[in-house]
Amino acid sequence: MLRAAVGLADDGGIESLSMRKLGQALGVEAMSLYNHVANKDDLLDGMVDLVWSEIELPSSGGDWRTAMRASAISAYDVLRRHPWACGLAMSRPSILPARLRYMEAILGGLRQAGFTPGLAFHAYHALDSHVIGFTLWAIGHSIPAGDDLADLAESFLREIAAEHPFIAEHVEQHLAGFGREGEGEFAFVLDLILDGLERARAA
């Protein structure tokens, strides 16, 4: 049931999800769903928890930086696949089991790598805010493809180029796909964070 609900939210957005639509997708009456969840909030919690359980937890016993990097990229990929989940997770009143496992694994990995409690505190928040913040930024700034996108961009550039040459340059980079090569902008900033954390840990 939860996977079906996640699929509906992925296809139409979380706002489009209803118990009636979920019942139709499963071939059952909507009221029968309440045998499995208490209410829609219970359903939403289950969906968020299911999505968070897809994230690769950092492995233990190896290089801390490699483990944290792989987990952060996994989290970003998962949350981009389910674009409704990031904002919903931040709005839920409780921290769900899969999120708790993720937090414990990150904090535990940092402490086992020699981070002091204080530095682990800051490192966790730096990594988590990058994953959550960059995901929300990327989702909010996604530009739908369309035949007239190039014409709109050209018109916009003509209007701003004279007075705002650096913004025009930046827009042209976006249009050319700059920042999407290799592992992309998310990994670029992630590596800056990890480099800084390694220096702090070593000190």
Foldseek 3Di string as FASTA:
>chain_A
DLVLQLVVCLVPNNVPDDLCVSCVVVVHHSVVCCVPAVDVLRSLLVNLLVLLLQFDFFDPDDDLLVRLLNRLLSLLVSCLSRVRNLVSCVPRPDQDDSNVVRLCRQLVSCVVNQDDPVLSVVLSCVSVCLSSVVSNVCVVPDDDDDPCPVVVLVVVLVVCCVPCVPVSVVSVCVVVVNQVPDVGDSSVVSVVSSVVSVVVSVD
